[in-house]
Amino acid sequence: MNDEGRVENAIEKPITPEQLGKYADLVAAGNAEFPDGLPQDQRRDLTTKVRSRLRRRMVLLIARAIAQDIRVEQEGRETVR
């Protein structure tokens, strides 16, 4: 890790499926760079896993915003934007 808490782009190749999942978590959270030099199939798998994690975060963010709007409407207050 560097001074900013990010994981450097150094990985052992090939990496295990468990490592791939952990790396996807780090990349999606912005704590690691997408690694160079992965075999094509692992690069594709990592890309898919990162996209899935980011998509899930986006859906949760939108769902929470909608729930907040509904809650505020039900309480009779206006939201501050």
Protein backbone atom coordinates (compact mmCIF):
# COMPACT_ATOMS: atom_id res chain seq x y z
CA MET A 1 0.00 0.00 0.00
CA ASN A 2 1.14 3.53 -0.62
CA ASP A 3 0.70 6.55 1.64
CA GLU A 4 -2.89 7.13 0.47
CA GLY A 5 -4.04 3.64 1.48
CA ARG A 6 -4.27 2.40 -2.10
CA VAL A 7 -3.01 -1.00 -3.16
CA GLU A 8 -0.25 -0.84 -5.72
CA ASN A 9 -0.61 -2.50 -9.10
CA ALA A 10 1.68 -5.42 -8.16
CA ILE A 11 0.04 -8.84 -8.17
CA GLU A 12 1.25 -12.37 -8.65
CA LYS A 13 -0.02 -13.93 -11.86
CA PRO A 14 -2.19 -15.89 -12.26
CA ILE A 15 -4.28 -15.10 -9.24
CA THR A 16 -6.80 -17.40 -7.58
CA PRO A 17 -10.57 -16.88 -7.93
CA GLU A 18 -10.66 -15.79 -4.26
CA GLN A 19 -7.91 -13.22 -4.88
CA LEU A 20 -9.76 -12.05 -7.98
CA GLY A 21 -12.88 -11.38 -5.91
CA LYS A 22 -10.90 -9.51 -3.26
CA TYR A 23 -9.12 -7.49 -5.92
CA ALA A 24 -12.49 -6.64 -7.51
CA ASP A 25 -13.67 -5.31 -4.13
CA LEU A 26 -10.56 -3.12 -3.87
CA VAL A 27 -10.81 -1.79 -7.42
CA ALA A 28 -14.55 -1.07 -7.10
CA ALA A 29 -13.94 0.78 -3.83
CA GLY A 30 -11.20 2.86 -5.45
CA ASN A 31 -8.49 1.38 -3.24
CA ALA A 32 -6.54 -0.31 -6.05
CA GLU A 33 -5.73 0.29 -9.68
CA PHE A 34 -6.86 -2.18 -12.32
CA PRO A 35 -3.80 -4.46 -12.63
CA ASP A 36 -1.69 -4.73 -15.74
CA GLY A 37 -0.50 -8.04 -17.11
CA LEU A 38 -3.38 -10.30 -16.12
CA PRO A 39 -4.18 -13.15 -18.48
CA GLN A 40 -7.05 -12.27 -20.82
CA ASP A 41 -9.59 -14.54 -19.09
CA GLN A 42 -8.78 -13.15 -15.63
CA ARG A 43 -8.88 -9.59 -16.92
CA ARG A 44 -12.35 -10.25 -18.33
CA ASP A 45 -13.49 -11.90 -15.08
CA LEU A 46 -12.12 -9.01 -13.00
CA THR A 47 -13.84 -6.48 -15.26
CA THR A 48 -17.15 -8.33 -14.86
CA LYS A 49 -16.78 -8.54 -11.06
CA VAL A 50 -15.88 -4.84 -10.73
CA ARG A 51 -18.84 -3.81 -12.90
CA SER A 52 -21.16 -6.00 -10.84
CA ARG A 53 -19.97 -4.45 -7.58
CA LEU A 54 -20.28 -0.91 -8.96
CA ARG A 55 -23.75 -1.64 -10.36
CA ARG A 56 -24.87 -2.99 -6.98
CA ARG A 57 -23.57 0.13 -5.23
CA MET A 58 -25.42 2.34 -7.68
CA VAL A 59 -28.69 0.42 -7.26
CA LEU A 60 -28.39 0.63 -3.46
CA LEU A 61 -27.68 4.36 -3.64
CA ILE A 62 -30.74 4.95 -5.81
CA ALA A 63 -32.93 2.71 -3.62
CA ARG A 64 -31.83 4.56 -0.49
CA ALA A 65 -32.55 7.93 -2.12
CA ILE A 66 -36.04 6.78 -3.14
CA ALA A 67 -36.70 5.39 0.35
CA GLN A 68 -35.58 8.68 1.87
CA ASP A 69 -37.92 10.64 -0.43
CA ILE A 70 -40.84 8.37 0.48
CA ARG A 71 -40.06 8.65 4.18
CA VAL A 72 -39.91 12.45 4.00
CA GLU A 73 -43.18 12.62 2.06
CA GLN A 74 -44.89 10.38 4.58
CA GLU A 75 -43.65 12.54 7.44
CA GLY A 76 -45.02 15.63 5.69
CA ARG A 77 -41.66 17.38 5.40
CA GLU A 78 -39.91 18.67 2.32
CA THR A 79 -36.50 17.32 1.38
CA VAL A 80 -33.54 19.64 1.30
CA ARG A 81 -31.53 19.23 -1.86
